[in-house]
């Protein structure tokens, strides 16, 4: 019985092998892996900074046209109702619809509705002009959005709602002041 107990105890003795050494052998040094493992990228409107998509829906990029393609976008992207002809190259005439930012109504890119066979991979993908969007990597603590002034902060949906409410209140105040002014002027005319 004592021999069996010693056998069991020997089985469950803690190993002296460092698990980080095993991980480094299997997966390489941890520091290198962290550098390669960037977080997801969020794409935002270049003007109003509303999020329009992320790298989890990445479909590719077109360096020659300075575009990126996404499979899905956020509700902040509106697809235009009007389609137009777009000539990608001499022999590639396409039917496209513009993509608009819901916040500032600026054109962000296009969706290819009809393409020649050689461009089928672009059909119904959301193609954004790189010049019209910005991006940031989630989890990058040392990276901040570019702001136009030293005290300016990016516009969030919450902040935007507050500003819109304040504007509505100011409009109502101006309207009531204008109405009161009309009443005073009418009193002078009598």
N, C-alpha and C. Protein backbone atom coordinates (compact mmCIF):
# COMPACT_ATOMS: atom_id res chain seq x y z
N UNK A 1 0.83 -1.19 0.00
CA UNK A 1 0.00 0.00 0.00
C UNK A 1 0.87 1.25 0.00
N UNK A 2 1.97 1.26 0.76
CA UNK A 2 2.86 2.42 0.83
C UNK A 2 3.53 2.66 -0.51
N UNK A 3 3.87 1.58 -1.22
CA UNK A 3 4.51 1.72 -2.54
C UNK A 3 3.54 2.35 -3.53
N UNK A 4 2.28 1.96 -3.43
CA UNK A 4 1.25 2.52 -4.32
C UNK A 4 1.07 4.01 -4.02
N UNK A 5 1.06 4.40 -2.74
CA UNK A 5 0.90 5.80 -2.34
C UNK A 5 2.07 6.63 -2.87
N UNK A 6 3.31 6.10 -2.79
CA UNK A 6 4.47 6.82 -3.31
C UNK A 6 4.36 6.99 -4.81
N UNK A 7 3.83 5.99 -5.50
CA UNK A 7 3.65 6.06 -6.96
C UNK A 7 2.65 7.16 -7.32
N UNK A 8 1.54 7.24 -6.57
CA UNK A 8 0.54 8.28 -6.82
C UNK A 8 1.12 9.67 -6.55
N UNK A 9 1.86 9.80 -5.44
CA UNK A 9 2.45 11.09 -5.11
C UNK A 9 3.45 11.53 -6.18
N UNK A 10 4.22 10.62 -6.71
CA UNK A 10 5.21 10.94 -7.74
C UNK A 10 4.52 11.38 -9.02
N UNK A 11 3.34 10.85 -9.29
CA UNK A 11 2.60 11.21 -10.50
C UNK A 11 2.17 12.67 -10.47
N UNK A 12 1.78 13.15 -9.30
CA UNK A 12 1.22 14.50 -9.20
C UNK A 12 2.20 15.53 -8.65
N UNK A 13 3.49 15.21 -8.65
CA UNK A 13 4.50 16.17 -8.22
C UNK A 13 4.57 17.28 -9.26
N UNK A 14 4.69 18.54 -8.78
CA UNK A 14 4.77 19.67 -9.71
C UNK A 14 5.98 19.54 -10.60
N UNK A 15 5.80 19.86 -11.84
CA UNK A 15 6.88 19.81 -12.80
C UNK A 15 7.75 21.04 -12.64
N UNK A 16 9.03 20.89 -12.90
CA UNK A 16 9.94 22.03 -12.79
C UNK A 16 10.12 22.73 -14.14
N UNK A 17 9.38 22.31 -15.15
CA UNK A 17 9.48 22.94 -16.47
C UNK A 17 8.66 24.22 -16.47
N UNK A 18 9.26 25.31 -16.91
CA UNK A 18 8.57 26.61 -16.99
C UNK A 18 7.67 26.61 -18.23
N UNK A 19 6.39 26.94 -18.03
CA UNK A 19 5.45 26.90 -19.15
C UNK A 19 5.79 27.94 -20.22
N UNK A 20 6.41 29.04 -19.84
CA UNK A 20 6.77 30.05 -20.84
C UNK A 20 7.84 29.52 -21.78
N UNK A 21 8.72 28.66 -21.28
CA UNK A 21 9.74 28.06 -22.13
C UNK A 21 9.10 27.17 -23.19
N UNK A 22 8.09 26.41 -22.78
CA UNK A 22 7.37 25.55 -23.73
C UNK A 22 6.63 26.40 -24.76
N UNK A 23 5.96 27.47 -24.30
CA UNK A 23 5.24 28.35 -25.22
C UNK A 23 6.19 28.99 -26.23
N UNK A 24 7.38 29.39 -25.77
CA UNK A 24 8.34 29.99 -26.69
C UNK A 24 8.82 28.99 -27.73
N UNK A 25 9.01 27.73 -27.31
CA UNK A 25 9.42 26.69 -28.26
C UNK A 25 8.32 26.45 -29.30
N UNK A 26 7.08 26.41 -28.83
CA UNK A 26 5.97 26.11 -29.74
C UNK A 26 5.57 27.32 -30.59
N UNK A 27 5.49 28.49 -29.97
CA UNK A 27 4.90 29.65 -30.64
C UNK A 27 5.88 30.79 -30.89
N UNK A 28 7.12 30.65 -30.49
CA UNK A 28 8.07 31.75 -30.66
C UNK A 28 8.04 32.67 -29.46
N UNK A 29 8.99 33.60 -29.38
CA UNK A 29 9.04 34.53 -28.24
C UNK A 29 7.77 35.37 -28.14
N UNK A 30 7.35 35.61 -26.91
CA UNK A 30 6.08 36.31 -26.66
C UNK A 30 6.11 37.75 -27.17
N UNK A 31 7.24 38.45 -27.04
CA UNK A 31 7.31 39.85 -27.46
C UNK A 31 7.08 39.99 -28.96
N UNK A 32 7.68 39.11 -29.75
CA UNK A 32 7.49 39.18 -31.20
C UNK A 32 6.04 38.94 -31.56
N UNK A 33 5.40 38.01 -30.88
CA UNK A 33 4.01 37.70 -31.18
C UNK A 33 3.11 38.89 -30.87
N UNK A 34 3.37 39.60 -29.78
CA UNK A 34 2.54 40.76 -29.45
C UNK A 34 2.66 41.83 -30.51
N UNK A 35 3.85 42.01 -31.08
CA UNK A 35 4.03 43.02 -32.12
C UNK A 35 3.24 42.67 -33.37
N UNK A 36 3.16 41.38 -33.68
CA UNK A 36 2.45 40.95 -34.88
C UNK A 36 0.95 40.92 -34.66
N UNK A 37 0.51 40.79 -33.41
CA UNK A 37 -0.91 40.66 -33.10
C UNK A 37 -1.55 42.01 -32.83
N UNK A 38 -1.78 42.79 -33.87
CA UNK A 38 -2.49 44.05 -33.69
C UNK A 38 -3.96 43.74 -33.46
N UNK A 39 -4.62 44.62 -32.74
CA UNK A 39 -6.05 44.46 -32.51
C UNK A 39 -6.82 44.80 -33.77
N UNK A 40 -8.13 44.63 -33.73
CA UNK A 40 -8.95 44.98 -34.89
C UNK A 40 -8.86 46.47 -35.19
N UNK A 41 -8.98 46.80 -36.46
CA UNK A 41 -8.94 48.19 -36.90
C UNK A 41 -10.37 48.68 -37.08
N UNK A 42 -10.66 49.87 -36.59
CA UNK A 42 -11.96 50.50 -36.77
C UNK A 42 -11.79 51.61 -37.80
N UNK A 43 -12.65 51.60 -38.82
CA UNK A 43 -12.62 52.64 -39.85
C UNK A 43 -13.69 53.67 -39.52
N UNK A 44 -13.32 54.95 -39.58
CA UNK A 44 -14.23 56.03 -39.22
C UNK A 44 -14.28 57.07 -40.34
N UNK A 45 -15.38 57.81 -40.38
CA UNK A 45 -15.53 58.89 -41.35
C UNK A 45 -14.43 59.92 -41.13
N UNK A 46 -13.82 60.38 -42.19
CA UNK A 46 -12.74 61.34 -42.09
C UNK A 46 -13.19 62.70 -41.59
N UNK A 47 -14.48 63.02 -41.75
CA UNK A 47 -14.97 64.34 -41.32
C UNK A 47 -15.54 64.31 -39.91
N UNK A 48 -16.59 63.51 -39.69
CA UNK A 48 -17.30 63.57 -38.40
C UNK A 48 -16.89 62.46 -37.44
N UNK A 49 -16.02 61.56 -37.87
CA UNK A 49 -15.44 60.51 -37.01
C UNK A 49 -16.43 59.44 -36.55
N UNK A 50 -17.58 59.31 -37.23
CA UNK A 50 -18.48 58.20 -36.90
C UNK A 50 -17.89 56.90 -37.43
N UNK A 51 -18.01 55.79 -36.69
CA UNK A 51 -17.49 54.51 -37.19
C UNK A 51 -18.30 54.02 -38.39
N UNK A 52 -17.58 53.55 -39.42
CA UNK A 52 -18.26 53.06 -40.62
C UNK A 52 -18.02 51.58 -40.87
N UNK A 53 -17.01 50.99 -40.23
CA UNK A 53 -16.74 49.57 -40.41
C UNK A 53 -15.52 49.16 -39.60
N UNK A 54 -15.14 47.88 -39.73
CA UNK A 54 -13.96 47.40 -39.02
C UNK A 54 -13.27 46.31 -39.82
N UNK A 55 -12.08 45.96 -39.39
CA UNK A 55 -11.27 44.99 -40.13
C UNK A 55 -11.80 43.57 -40.02
N UNK A 56 -12.75 43.31 -39.13
CA UNK A 56 -13.33 41.97 -39.04
C UNK A 56 -14.17 41.65 -40.27
N UNK A 57 -14.56 42.68 -41.02
CA UNK A 57 -15.33 42.46 -42.25
C UNK A 57 -14.48 42.79 -43.48
N UNK A 58 -13.16 42.72 -43.34
CA UNK A 58 -12.21 43.04 -44.41
C UNK A 58 -12.44 42.12 -45.61
N UNK A 59 -12.42 42.72 -46.80
CA UNK A 59 -12.58 41.95 -48.04
C UNK A 59 -11.41 42.17 -48.99
N UNK A 60 -10.57 43.16 -48.73
CA UNK A 60 -9.40 43.40 -49.58
C UNK A 60 -9.15 44.88 -49.78
N UNK A 61 -8.15 45.16 -50.59
CA UNK A 61 -7.81 46.54 -50.87
C UNK A 61 -7.35 46.71 -52.31
N UNK A 62 -7.49 47.91 -52.81
CA UNK A 62 -7.07 48.24 -54.17
C UNK A 62 -6.06 49.38 -54.08
N UNK A 63 -4.78 49.05 -54.09
CA UNK A 63 -3.76 50.09 -53.99
C UNK A 63 -3.81 51.05 -55.17
N UNK A 64 -4.07 50.52 -56.36
CA UNK A 64 -4.09 51.36 -57.56
C UNK A 64 -5.20 52.40 -57.50
N UNK A 65 -6.31 52.08 -56.83
CA UNK A 65 -7.44 53.01 -56.74
C UNK A 65 -7.54 53.66 -55.37
N UNK A 66 -6.61 53.33 -54.48
CA UNK A 66 -6.62 53.88 -53.13
C UNK A 66 -7.95 53.59 -52.42
N UNK A 67 -8.37 52.32 -52.49
CA UNK A 67 -9.64 51.88 -51.90
C UNK A 67 -9.42 50.68 -50.99
N UNK A 68 -10.33 50.53 -50.02
CA UNK A 68 -10.42 49.29 -49.25
C UNK A 68 -11.82 48.74 -49.44
N UNK A 69 -11.96 47.40 -49.35
CA UNK A 69 -13.26 46.76 -49.50
C UNK A 69 -13.65 46.07 -48.20
N UNK A 70 -14.90 46.29 -47.78
CA UNK A 70 -15.45 45.63 -46.60
C UNK A 70 -16.70 44.86 -47.00
N UNK A 71 -16.93 43.72 -46.33
CA UNK A 71 -18.14 42.92 -46.58
C UNK A 71 -19.35 43.51 -45.87
N UNK A 72 -19.13 44.11 -44.69
CA UNK A 72 -20.22 44.69 -43.90
C UNK A 72 -19.81 46.07 -43.41
N UNK A 73 -20.82 46.92 -43.15
CA UNK A 73 -20.57 48.26 -42.63
C UNK A 73 -21.55 48.53 -41.50
N UNK A 74 -21.35 49.64 -40.79
CA UNK A 74 -22.26 50.01 -39.70
C UNK A 74 -23.48 50.73 -40.27
N UNK A 75 -24.43 51.01 -39.40
CA UNK A 75 -25.63 51.75 -39.80
C UNK A 75 -25.33 53.21 -40.12
N UNK A 76 -24.10 53.65 -39.85
CA UNK A 76 -23.71 55.03 -40.16
C UNK A 76 -23.40 55.23 -41.64
N UNK A 77 -23.44 54.16 -42.42
CA UNK A 77 -23.17 54.24 -43.86
C UNK A 77 -24.49 54.09 -44.60
N UNK A 78 -24.77 55.05 -45.47
CA UNK A 78 -25.98 55.01 -46.29
C UNK A 78 -25.59 54.74 -47.73
N UNK A 79 -26.35 53.86 -48.39
CA UNK A 79 -26.12 53.59 -49.81
C UNK A 79 -27.05 54.50 -50.60
N UNK A 80 -26.47 55.24 -51.55
CA UNK A 80 -27.25 56.16 -52.36
C UNK A 80 -28.31 55.44 -53.17
N UNK A 81 -29.40 56.13 -53.47
CA UNK A 81 -30.50 55.53 -54.23
C UNK A 81 -30.22 55.58 -55.73
N UNK A 82 -29.43 56.55 -56.17
CA UNK A 82 -29.16 56.73 -57.60
C UNK A 82 -27.92 55.94 -58.00
N UNK A 83 -28.04 55.20 -59.10
CA UNK A 83 -26.87 54.51 -59.63
C UNK A 83 -26.30 55.32 -60.79
N UNK A 84 -25.00 55.16 -61.00
CA UNK A 84 -24.34 55.90 -62.07
C UNK A 84 -23.30 54.99 -62.72
N UNK A 85 -22.91 55.37 -63.95
CA UNK A 85 -21.89 54.61 -64.66
C UNK A 85 -20.51 55.06 -64.18
N UNK A 86 -19.63 54.09 -64.01
CA UNK A 86 -18.27 54.36 -63.55
C UNK A 86 -17.33 53.54 -64.42
N UNK A 87 -16.34 54.21 -65.00
CA UNK A 87 -15.39 53.52 -65.88
C UNK A 87 -14.13 53.20 -65.10
N UNK A 88 -14.01 51.95 -64.70
CA UNK A 88 -12.85 51.50 -63.92
C UNK A 88 -11.60 51.52 -64.80
N UNK A 89 -11.73 51.07 -66.02
CA UNK A 89 -10.65 51.12 -67.01
C UNK A 89 -11.32 51.20 -68.38
N UNK A 90 -10.53 51.21 -69.43
CA UNK A 90 -11.10 51.38 -70.78
C UNK A 90 -12.19 50.37 -71.10
N UNK A 91 -11.99 49.12 -70.70
CA UNK A 91 -12.95 48.06 -71.05
C UNK A 91 -13.81 47.62 -69.88
N UNK A 92 -13.78 48.37 -68.80
CA UNK A 92 -14.52 47.96 -67.60
C UNK A 92 -15.51 49.03 -67.17
N UNK A 93 -16.68 49.03 -67.76
CA UNK A 93 -17.73 49.96 -67.39
C UNK A 93 -18.59 49.31 -66.31
N UNK A 94 -18.81 50.01 -65.21
CA UNK A 94 -19.54 49.46 -64.06
C UNK A 94 -20.70 50.37 -63.69
N UNK A 95 -21.67 49.79 -63.01
CA UNK A 95 -22.78 50.55 -62.44
C UNK A 95 -22.54 50.61 -60.93
N UNK A 96 -22.43 51.82 -60.37
CA UNK A 96 -22.11 51.98 -58.95
C UNK A 96 -23.13 52.88 -58.26
N UNK A 97 -23.18 52.75 -56.94
CA UNK A 97 -23.98 53.64 -56.08
C UNK A 97 -23.03 54.19 -55.02
N UNK A 98 -23.17 55.48 -54.72
CA UNK A 98 -22.28 56.12 -53.75
C UNK A 98 -22.62 55.70 -52.33
N UNK A 99 -21.60 55.70 -51.48
CA UNK A 99 -21.75 55.46 -50.04
C UNK A 99 -21.62 56.80 -49.33
N UNK A 100 -22.56 57.11 -48.44
CA UNK A 100 -22.56 58.37 -47.71
C UNK A 100 -22.46 58.12 -46.21
N UNK A 101 -21.84 59.05 -45.51
CA UNK A 101 -21.83 59.02 -44.05
C UNK A 101 -23.16 59.57 -43.57
N UNK A 102 -23.81 58.88 -42.66
CA UNK A 102 -25.10 59.32 -42.15
C UNK A 102 -24.95 60.59 -41.32
N UNK A 103 -23.81 60.78 -40.69
CA UNK A 103 -23.61 61.94 -39.83
C UNK A 103 -23.41 63.24 -40.58
N UNK A 104 -22.46 63.26 -41.53
CA UNK A 104 -22.11 64.51 -42.21
C UNK A 104 -22.48 64.50 -43.69
N UNK A 105 -23.04 63.41 -44.17
CA UNK A 105 -23.50 63.28 -45.56
C UNK A 105 -22.37 63.34 -46.59
N UNK A 106 -21.12 63.17 -46.18
CA UNK A 106 -20.02 63.20 -47.15
C UNK A 106 -19.92 61.84 -47.85
N UNK A 107 -19.43 61.87 -49.09
CA UNK A 107 -19.27 60.65 -49.88
C UNK A 107 -18.02 59.92 -49.37
N UNK A 108 -18.19 58.63 -49.06
CA UNK A 108 -17.09 57.83 -48.51
C UNK A 108 -16.54 56.82 -49.51
N UNK A 109 -17.34 56.48 -50.51
CA UNK A 109 -16.92 55.46 -51.47
C UNK A 109 -18.07 55.05 -52.34
N UNK A 110 -18.08 53.76 -52.72
CA UNK A 110 -19.13 53.27 -53.61
C UNK A 110 -19.36 51.78 -53.45
N UNK A 111 -20.51 51.34 -53.95
CA UNK A 111 -20.85 49.92 -54.04
C UNK A 111 -21.03 49.61 -55.52
N UNK A 112 -20.37 48.56 -55.99
CA UNK A 112 -20.51 48.15 -57.39
C UNK A 112 -21.76 47.30 -57.51
N UNK A 113 -22.76 47.78 -58.28
CA UNK A 113 -24.01 47.04 -58.45
C UNK A 113 -23.92 46.10 -59.65
N UNK A 114 -23.18 46.49 -60.67
CA UNK A 114 -23.03 45.68 -61.87
C UNK A 114 -21.60 45.84 -62.37
N UNK A 115 -20.95 44.70 -62.64
CA UNK A 115 -19.55 44.74 -63.05
C UNK A 115 -19.32 43.77 -64.20
N UNK A 116 -18.27 43.99 -64.99
CA UNK A 116 -17.88 42.96 -65.95
C UNK A 116 -17.31 41.76 -65.19
N UNK A 117 -17.17 40.65 -65.85
CA UNK A 117 -16.77 39.41 -65.20
C UNK A 117 -15.44 39.54 -64.44
N UNK A 118 -14.49 40.29 -64.99
CA UNK A 118 -13.18 40.40 -64.33
C UNK A 118 -13.23 41.20 -63.03
N UNK A 119 -14.33 41.89 -62.76
CA UNK A 119 -14.48 42.65 -61.51
C UNK A 119 -15.58 42.10 -60.60
N UNK A 120 -16.00 40.88 -60.84
CA UNK A 120 -17.06 40.28 -60.02
C UNK A 120 -16.73 40.26 -58.53
N UNK A 121 -15.46 40.19 -58.18
CA UNK A 121 -15.07 40.15 -56.77
C UNK A 121 -15.43 41.45 -56.04
N UNK A 122 -15.66 42.54 -56.81
CA UNK A 122 -16.03 43.82 -56.20
C UNK A 122 -17.54 44.01 -56.07
N UNK A 123 -18.30 43.19 -56.75
CA UNK A 123 -19.75 43.39 -56.77
C UNK A 123 -20.33 43.25 -55.37
N UNK A 124 -21.10 44.23 -54.97
CA UNK A 124 -21.81 44.31 -53.69
C UNK A 124 -20.88 44.38 -52.48
N UNK A 125 -19.59 44.66 -52.71
CA UNK A 125 -18.68 44.95 -51.59
C UNK A 125 -18.69 46.46 -51.36
N UNK A 126 -18.45 46.87 -50.14
CA UNK A 126 -18.43 48.29 -49.80
C UNK A 126 -17.00 48.80 -50.02
N UNK A 127 -16.82 49.62 -51.04
CA UNK A 127 -15.50 50.13 -51.40
C UNK A 127 -15.34 51.56 -50.88
N UNK A 128 -14.43 51.75 -49.94
CA UNK A 128 -14.21 53.06 -49.33
C UNK A 128 -12.96 53.71 -49.91
N UNK A 129 -13.05 55.01 -50.19
CA UNK A 129 -11.88 55.78 -50.60
C UNK A 129 -11.03 56.04 -49.36
N UNK A 130 -9.78 55.63 -49.42
CA UNK A 130 -8.89 55.77 -48.26
C UNK A 130 -8.76 57.24 -47.84
N UNK A 131 -8.83 58.15 -48.79
CA UNK A 131 -8.69 59.58 -48.48
C UNK A 131 -9.87 60.11 -47.67
N UNK A 132 -11.02 59.43 -47.70
CA UNK A 132 -12.23 59.92 -47.04
C UNK A 132 -12.50 59.27 -45.68
N UNK A 133 -11.64 58.33 -45.27
CA UNK A 133 -11.83 57.67 -43.98
C UNK A 133 -10.53 57.72 -43.18
N UNK A 134 -10.66 57.55 -41.88
CA UNK A 134 -9.52 57.40 -40.98
C UNK A 134 -9.66 56.05 -40.30
N UNK A 135 -8.64 55.65 -39.55
CA UNK A 135 -8.72 54.38 -38.85
C UNK A 135 -7.90 54.44 -37.58
N UNK A 136 -8.22 53.52 -36.68
CA UNK A 136 -7.41 53.35 -35.48
C UNK A 136 -7.48 51.89 -35.06
N UNK A 137 -6.45 51.45 -34.34
CA UNK A 137 -6.36 50.07 -33.88
C UNK A 137 -6.90 50.00 -32.46
N UNK A 138 -7.86 49.11 -32.23
CA UNK A 138 -8.40 48.93 -30.88
C UNK A 138 -7.29 48.45 -29.95
N UNK A 139 -7.26 49.00 -28.76
CA UNK A 139 -6.29 48.57 -27.77
C UNK A 139 -4.95 49.26 -27.88
N UNK A 140 -4.81 50.19 -28.79
CA UNK A 140 -3.54 50.91 -28.90
C UNK A 140 -3.62 52.15 -28.02
N UNK A 141 -3.11 52.03 -26.82
CA UNK A 141 -3.25 53.10 -25.83
C UNK A 141 -2.48 54.35 -26.21
N UNK A 142 -1.40 54.20 -26.97
CA UNK A 142 -0.58 55.36 -27.29
C UNK A 142 -1.05 56.09 -28.54
N UNK A 143 -2.13 55.64 -29.15
CA UNK A 143 -2.62 56.26 -30.38
C UNK A 143 -3.89 57.04 -30.09
N UNK A 144 -3.97 58.27 -30.58
CA UNK A 144 -5.16 59.09 -30.41
C UNK A 144 -5.65 59.55 -31.77
N UNK A 145 -6.94 59.85 -31.87
CA UNK A 145 -7.49 60.38 -33.10
C UNK A 145 -6.95 61.78 -33.33
N UNK A 146 -6.74 62.10 -34.58
CA UNK A 146 -6.28 63.46 -34.91
C UNK A 146 -7.43 64.42 -34.70
N UNK A 147 -7.20 65.45 -33.92
CA UNK A 147 -8.21 66.48 -33.70
C UNK A 147 -7.72 67.76 -34.35
N UNK A 148 -8.64 68.60 -34.74
CA UNK A 148 -8.27 69.80 -35.47
C UNK A 148 -7.63 70.85 -34.57
N UNK A 149 -8.00 70.89 -33.32
CA UNK A 149 -7.44 71.88 -32.41
C UNK A 149 -6.95 71.21 -31.15
N UNK A 150 -6.24 71.94 -30.30
CA UNK A 150 -5.68 71.33 -29.09
C UNK A 150 -6.74 70.88 -28.09
N UNK A 151 -7.89 71.55 -28.05
CA UNK A 151 -8.93 71.19 -27.08
C UNK A 151 -10.05 70.38 -27.72
N UNK A 152 -9.98 70.17 -29.03
CA UNK A 152 -11.06 69.48 -29.72
C UNK A 152 -10.98 67.98 -29.49
N UNK A 153 -12.13 67.37 -29.29
CA UNK A 153 -12.21 65.93 -29.10
C UNK A 153 -13.02 65.32 -30.24
N UNK A 154 -12.82 64.03 -30.53
CA UNK A 154 -13.63 63.41 -31.57
C UNK A 154 -15.11 63.40 -31.16
N UNK A 155 -15.97 63.47 -32.15
CA UNK A 155 -17.41 63.52 -31.89
C UNK A 155 -17.91 62.10 -31.66
N UNK A 156 -18.50 61.88 -30.50
CA UNK A 156 -19.13 60.59 -30.21
C UNK A 156 -20.63 60.74 -30.40
N UNK A 157 -21.32 59.62 -30.49
CA UNK A 157 -22.77 59.67 -30.67
C UNK A 157 -23.43 60.36 -29.48
N UNK A 158 -22.93 60.11 -28.28
CA UNK A 158 -23.50 60.73 -27.09
C UNK A 158 -23.30 62.25 -27.13
N UNK A 159 -22.08 62.69 -27.46
CA UNK A 159 -21.79 64.12 -27.54
C UNK A 159 -22.62 64.77 -28.64
N UNK A 160 -22.74 64.08 -29.76
CA UNK A 160 -23.52 64.61 -30.88
C UNK A 160 -24.97 64.81 -30.47
N UNK A 161 -25.54 63.86 -29.73
CA UNK A 161 -26.92 63.98 -29.25
C UNK A 161 -27.10 65.18 -28.35
N UNK A 162 -26.12 65.41 -27.46
CA UNK A 162 -26.18 66.56 -26.55
C UNK A 162 -26.14 67.86 -27.34
N UNK A 163 -25.25 67.94 -28.33
CA UNK A 163 -25.13 69.15 -29.14
C UNK A 163 -26.41 69.40 -29.92
N UNK A 164 -26.99 68.34 -30.51
CA UNK A 164 -28.24 68.50 -31.25
C UNK A 164 -29.37 68.99 -30.33
N UNK A 165 -29.42 68.48 -29.10
CA UNK A 165 -30.44 68.92 -28.14
C UNK A 165 -30.24 70.39 -27.80
N UNK A 166 -29.00 70.81 -27.58
CA UNK A 166 -28.72 72.21 -27.27
C UNK A 166 -29.09 73.11 -28.44
N UNK A 167 -28.81 72.66 -29.66
CA UNK A 167 -29.19 73.45 -30.83
C UNK A 167 -30.70 73.60 -30.94
N UNK A 168 -31.43 72.53 -30.66
CA UNK A 168 -32.89 72.59 -30.70
C UNK A 168 -33.41 73.58 -29.66
N UNK A 169 -32.85 73.53 -28.46
CA UNK A 169 -33.26 74.47 -27.41
C UNK A 169 -32.96 75.91 -27.81
N UNK A 170 -31.81 76.14 -28.44
CA UNK A 170 -31.45 77.49 -28.87
C UNK A 170 -32.39 77.97 -29.97
N UNK A 171 -32.76 77.08 -30.89
CA UNK A 171 -33.71 77.46 -31.95
C UNK A 171 -35.04 77.86 -31.36
N UNK A 172 -35.51 77.10 -30.37
CA UNK A 172 -36.79 77.43 -29.73
C UNK A 172 -36.70 78.78 -29.03
N UNK A 173 -35.58 79.07 -28.39
CA UNK A 173 -35.40 80.35 -27.72
C UNK A 173 -35.41 81.50 -28.72
N UNK A 174 -34.72 81.33 -29.83
CA UNK A 174 -34.68 82.37 -30.87
C UNK A 174 -36.07 82.57 -31.46
N UNK A 175 -36.81 81.48 -31.68
CA UNK A 175 -38.17 81.59 -32.23
C UNK A 175 -39.08 82.35 -31.26
N UNK A 176 -38.99 82.06 -29.96
CA UNK A 176 -39.84 82.75 -29.00
C UNK A 176 -39.45 84.22 -28.89
N UNK A 177 -38.15 84.52 -28.99
CA UNK A 177 -37.71 85.91 -28.96
C UNK A 177 -38.20 86.66 -30.20
N UNK A 178 -38.17 86.00 -31.36
CA UNK A 178 -38.66 86.63 -32.59
C UNK A 178 -40.16 86.89 -32.49
N UNK A 179 -40.89 85.94 -31.92
CA UNK A 179 -42.34 86.11 -31.76
C UNK A 179 -42.62 87.28 -30.80
N UNK A 180 -41.88 87.36 -29.72
CA UNK A 180 -42.06 88.45 -28.75
C UNK A 180 -41.74 89.80 -29.39
N UNK A 181 -40.69 89.84 -30.22
CA UNK A 181 -40.31 91.06 -30.92
C UNK A 181 -41.42 91.51 -31.87
N UNK A 182 -42.03 90.55 -32.57
CA UNK A 182 -43.16 90.87 -33.46
C UNK A 182 -44.32 91.47 -32.66
N UNK A 183 -44.60 90.92 -31.48
CA UNK A 183 -45.68 91.44 -30.64
C UNK A 183 -45.38 92.87 -30.19
N UNK A 184 -44.13 93.14 -29.83
CA UNK A 184 -43.74 94.49 -29.40
C UNK A 184 -43.86 95.47 -30.57
N UNK A 185 -43.39 95.05 -31.75
CA UNK A 185 -43.49 95.91 -32.93
C UNK A 185 -44.94 96.18 -33.29
N UNK A 186 -45.79 95.17 -33.16
CA UNK A 186 -47.22 95.35 -33.45
C UNK A 186 -47.83 96.34 -32.46
N UNK A 187 -47.38 96.35 -31.22
CA UNK A 187 -47.86 97.30 -30.20
C UNK A 187 -47.48 98.73 -30.54
N UNK A 188 -46.29 98.93 -31.14
CA UNK A 188 -45.87 100.27 -31.54
C UNK A 188 -46.66 100.78 -32.73
N UNK A 189 -47.11 99.89 -33.59
CA UNK A 189 -47.84 100.30 -34.79
C UNK A 189 -49.27 100.70 -34.45
N UNK A 190 -49.80 100.22 -33.37
CA UNK A 190 -51.20 100.54 -33.00
C UNK A 190 -51.34 101.90 -32.50
